[in-house]
Amino acid sequence: MGKFDYAKCPNCGKVAHNRQEVDERFGIRNNDGNLMVQSWCRKCR
């Protein structure tokens, strides 16, 4: 499993199980050239 294939929001518990869901529900950010999944889902942010 890659780092973009799963995410869980620590606030509401929403889960994404593949890269498309991670991108739609959480978003991916660029932190000085290092891609990272947003920790909180879009709704909770």
PDB file of N, CA and C in Angstrom:
ATOM      1  N   MET A   1       0.852  -1.181   0.000  1.00  0.00           N
ATOM      2  CA  MET A   1       0.000   0.000   0.000  1.00  0.00           C
ATOM      3  C   MET A   1       0.895   1.241   0.000  1.00  0.00           C
ATOM      4  N   GLY A   2       0.652   2.154  -0.950  1.00  0.00           N
ATOM      5  CA  GLY A   2       1.425   3.383  -1.026  1.00  0.00           C
ATOM      6  C   GLY A   2       0.914   4.415  -0.037  1.00  0.00           C
ATOM      7  N   LYS A   3       1.682   5.467   0.126  1.00  0.00           N
ATOM      8  CA  LYS A   3       1.303   6.471   1.121  1.00  0.00           C
ATOM      9  C   LYS A   3       0.082   7.302   0.701  1.00  0.00           C
ATOM     10  N   PHE A   4      -0.338   7.194  -0.564  1.00  0.00           N
ATOM     11  CA  PHE A   4      -1.517   7.921  -1.037  1.00  0.00           C
ATOM     12  C   PHE A   4      -2.730   7.003  -1.191  1.00  0.00           C
ATOM     13  N   ASP A   5      -2.645   5.760  -0.729  1.00  0.00           N
ATOM     14  CA  ASP A   5      -3.718   4.790  -0.909  1.00  0.00           C
ATOM     15  C   ASP A   5      -4.647   4.666   0.289  1.00  0.00           C
ATOM     16  N   TYR A   6      -4.362   5.349   1.389  1.00  0.00           N
ATOM     17  CA  TYR A   6      -5.201   5.228   2.578  1.00  0.00           C
ATOM     18  C   TYR A   6      -5.054   6.498   3.414  1.00  0.00           C
ATOM     19  N   ALA A   7      -6.165   6.957   3.938  1.00  0.00           N
ATOM     20  CA  ALA A   7      -6.131   8.088   4.867  1.00  0.00           C
ATOM     21  C   ALA A   7      -7.344   7.986   5.783  1.00  0.00           C
ATOM     22  N   LYS A   8      -7.164   8.428   7.013  1.00  0.00           N
ATOM     23  CA  LYS A   8      -8.265   8.458   7.976  1.00  0.00           C
ATOM     24  C   LYS A   8      -8.212   9.778   8.723  1.00  0.00           C
ATOM     25  N   CYS A   9      -9.333  10.473   8.762  1.00  0.00           N
ATOM     26  CA  CYS A   9      -9.414  11.768   9.439  1.00  0.00           C
ATOM     27  C   CYS A   9      -9.424  11.552  10.956  1.00  0.00           C
ATOM     28  N   PRO A  10      -8.496  12.189  11.671  1.00  0.00           N
ATOM     29  CA  PRO A  10      -8.464  12.035  13.120  1.00  0.00           C
ATOM     30  C   PRO A  10      -9.618  12.746  13.828  1.00  0.00           C
ATOM     31  N   ASN A  11     -10.316  13.621  13.115  1.00  0.00           N
ATOM     32  CA  ASN A  11     -11.412  14.369  13.722  1.00  0.00           C
ATOM     33  C   ASN A  11     -12.745  13.625  13.614  1.00  0.00           C
ATOM     34  N   CYS A  12     -13.122  13.196  12.400  1.00  0.00           N
ATOM     35  CA  CYS A  12     -14.431  12.572  12.199  1.00  0.00           C
ATOM     36  C   CYS A  12     -14.366  11.081  11.896  1.00  0.00           C
ATOM     37  N   GLY A  13     -13.173  10.575  11.570  1.00  0.00           N
ATOM     38  CA  GLY A  13     -13.021   9.152  11.290  1.00  0.00           C
ATOM     39  C   GLY A  13     -13.278   8.748   9.852  1.00  0.00           C
ATOM     40  N   LYS A  14     -13.549   9.713   8.958  1.00  0.00           N
ATOM     41  CA  LYS A  14     -13.779   9.401   7.549  1.00  0.00           C
ATOM     42  C   LYS A  14     -12.538   8.721   6.978  1.00  0.00           C
ATOM     43  N   VAL A  15     -12.759   7.692   6.117  1.00  0.00           N
ATOM     44  CA  VAL A  15     -11.663   6.893   5.584  1.00  0.00           C
ATOM     45  C   VAL A  15     -11.682   6.932   4.063  1.00  0.00           C
ATOM     46  N   ALA A  16     -10.501   6.942   3.457  1.00  0.00           N
ATOM     47  CA  ALA A  16     -10.332   6.820   2.010  1.00  0.00           C
ATOM     48  C   ALA A  16      -9.435   5.616   1.756  1.00  0.00           C
ATOM     49  N   HIS A  17      -9.834   4.766   0.788  1.00  0.00           N
ATOM     50  CA  HIS A  17      -9.140   3.502   0.564  1.00  0.00           C
ATOM     51  C   HIS A  17      -8.339   3.415  -0.725  1.00  0.00           C
ATOM     52  N   ASN A  18      -8.282   4.477  -1.517  1.00  0.00           N
ATOM     53  CA  ASN A  18      -7.443   4.478  -2.723  1.00  0.00           C
ATOM     54  C   ASN A  18      -7.048   5.911  -3.053  1.00  0.00           C
ATOM     55  N   ARG A  19      -6.158   6.071  -4.026  1.00  0.00           N
ATOM     56  CA  ARG A  19      -5.618   7.401  -4.306  1.00  0.00           C
ATOM     57  C   ARG A  19      -6.704   8.385  -4.746  1.00  0.00           C
ATOM     58  N   GLN A  20      -7.674   7.933  -5.524  1.00  0.00           N
ATOM     59  CA  GLN A  20      -8.739   8.824  -5.977  1.00  0.00           C
ATOM     60  C   GLN A  20      -9.550   9.330  -4.787  1.00  0.00           C
ATOM     61  N   GLU A  21      -9.928   8.427  -3.880  1.00  0.00           N
ATOM     62  CA  GLU A  21     -10.686   8.836  -2.698  1.00  0.00           C
ATOM     63  C   GLU A  21      -9.861   9.759  -1.809  1.00  0.00           C
ATOM     64  N   VAL A  22      -8.568   9.455  -1.647  1.00  0.00           N
ATOM     65  CA  VAL A  22      -7.696  10.309  -0.837  1.00  0.00           C
ATOM     66  C   VAL A  22      -7.667  11.712  -1.419  1.00  0.00           C
ATOM     67  N   ASP A  23      -7.509  11.809  -2.733  1.00  0.00           N
ATOM     68  CA  ASP A  23      -7.445  13.133  -3.380  1.00  0.00           C
ATOM     69  C   ASP A  23      -8.765  13.876  -3.241  1.00  0.00           C
ATOM     70  N   GLU A  24      -9.895  13.179  -3.426  1.00  0.00           N
ATOM     71  CA  GLU A  24     -11.212  13.821  -3.353  1.00  0.00           C
ATOM     72  C   GLU A  24     -11.587  14.220  -1.925  1.00  0.00           C
ATOM     73  N   ARG A  25     -11.350  13.330  -0.949  1.00  0.00           N
ATOM     74  CA  ARG A  25     -11.834  13.543   0.417  1.00  0.00           C
ATOM     75  C   ARG A  25     -10.846  14.297   1.308  1.00  0.00           C
ATOM     76  N   PHE A  26      -9.546  14.183   1.014  1.00  0.00           N
ATOM     77  CA  PHE A  26      -8.545  14.793   1.882  1.00  0.00           C
ATOM     78  C   PHE A  26      -7.700  15.850   1.167  1.00  0.00           C
ATOM     79  N   GLY A  27      -7.210  15.532  -0.006  1.00  0.00           N
ATOM     80  CA  GLY A  27      -6.330  16.426  -0.739  1.00  0.00           C
ATOM     81  C   GLY A  27      -4.875  16.060  -0.483  1.00  0.00           C
ATOM     82  N   ILE A  28      -4.046  16.404  -1.443  1.00  0.00           N
ATOM     83  CA  ILE A  28      -2.612  16.147  -1.355  1.00  0.00           C
ATOM     84  C   ILE A  28      -1.909  17.488  -1.435  1.00  0.00           C
ATOM     85  N   ARG A  29      -0.989  17.730  -0.513  1.00  0.00           N
ATOM     86  CA  ARG A  29      -0.301  19.025  -0.491  1.00  0.00           C
ATOM     87  C   ARG A  29       1.174  18.850  -0.805  1.00  0.00           C
ATOM     88  N   ASN A  30       1.768  19.910  -1.299  1.00  0.00           N
ATOM     89  CA  ASN A  30       3.179  19.934  -1.626  1.00  0.00           C
ATOM     90  C   ASN A  30       3.891  20.730  -0.543  1.00  0.00           C
ATOM     91  N   ASN A  31       4.711  20.056   0.236  1.00  0.00           N
ATOM     92  CA  ASN A  31       5.443  20.684   1.333  1.00  0.00           C
ATOM     93  C   ASN A  31       6.923  20.726   0.966  1.00  0.00           C
ATOM     94  N   ASP A  32       7.349  21.812   0.362  1.00  0.00           N
ATOM     95  CA  ASP A  32       8.743  21.969  -0.098  1.00  0.00           C
ATOM     96  C   ASP A  32       9.186  20.829  -0.996  1.00  0.00           C
ATOM     97  N   GLY A  33       8.341  20.453  -1.964  1.00  0.00           N
ATOM     98  CA  GLY A  33       8.675  19.401  -2.914  1.00  0.00           C
ATOM     99  C   GLY A  33       8.349  17.998  -2.433  1.00  0.00           C
ATOM    100  N   ASN A  34       7.869  17.860  -1.200  1.00  0.00           N
ATOM    101  CA  ASN A  34       7.516  16.566  -0.640  1.00  0.00           C
ATOM    102  C   ASN A  34       5.990  16.452  -0.599  1.00  0.00           C
ATOM    103  N   LEU A  35       5.411  15.551  -1.400  1.00  0.00           N
ATOM    104  CA  LEU A  35       3.961  15.395  -1.436  1.00  0.00           C
ATOM    105  C   LEU A  35       3.475  14.659  -0.196  1.00  0.00           C
ATOM    106  N   MET A  36       2.394  15.180   0.398  1.00  0.00           N
ATOM    107  CA  MET A  36       1.836  14.608   1.621  1.00  0.00           C
ATOM    108  C   MET A  36       0.321  14.645   1.553  1.00  0.00           C
ATOM    109  N   VAL A  37      -0.332  13.683   2.176  1.00  0.00           N
ATOM    110  CA  VAL A  37      -1.789  13.677   2.284  1.00  0.00           C
ATOM    111  C   VAL A  37      -2.173  14.614   3.425  1.00  0.00           C
ATOM    112  N   GLN A  38      -3.192  15.445   3.197  1.00  0.00           N
ATOM    113  CA  GLN A  38      -3.708  16.287   4.270  1.00  0.00           C
ATOM    114  C   GLN A  38      -4.216  15.366   5.378  1.00  0.00           C
ATOM    115  N   SER A  39      -3.937  15.671   6.610  1.00  0.00           N
ATOM    116  CA  SER A  39      -4.333  14.774   7.697  1.00  0.00           C
ATOM    117  C   SER A  39      -5.838  14.829   7.981  1.00  0.00           C
ATOM    118  N   TRP A  40      -6.449  15.996   7.936  1.00  0.00           N
ATOM    119  CA  TRP A  40      -7.894  16.132   8.169  1.00  0.00           C
ATOM    120  C   TRP A  40      -8.612  16.160   6.819  1.00  0.00           C
ATOM    121  N   CYS A  41      -9.821  15.597   6.771  1.00  0.00           N
ATOM    122  CA  CYS A  41     -10.606  15.612   5.536  1.00  0.00           C
ATOM    123  C   CYS A  41     -11.023  17.054   5.198  1.00  0.00           C
ATOM    124  N   ARG A  42     -11.468  17.242   3.977  1.00  0.00           N
ATOM    125  CA  ARG A  42     -11.839  18.583   3.516  1.00  0.00           C
ATOM    126  C   ARG A  42     -12.973  19.183   4.351  1.00  0.00           C
ATOM    127  N   LYS A  43     -13.955  18.357   4.763  1.00  0.00           N
ATOM    128  CA  LYS A  43     -15.081  18.867   5.552  1.00  0.00           C
ATOM    129  C   LYS A  43     -14.636  19.373   6.918  1.00  0.00           C
ATOM    130  N   CYS A  44     -13.738  18.652   7.570  1.00  0.00           N
ATOM    131  CA  CYS A  44     -13.296  19.034   8.918  1.00  0.00           C
ATOM    132  C   CYS A  44     -12.344  20.231   8.902  1.00  0.00           C
ATOM    133  N   ARG A  45     -11.627  20.409   7.812  1.00  0.00           N
ATOM    134  CA  ARG A  45     -10.745  21.571   7.732  1.00  0.00           C
ATOM    135  C   ARG A  45     -11.570  22.819   7.579  1.00  0.00           C
TER     136      ARG A  45
END
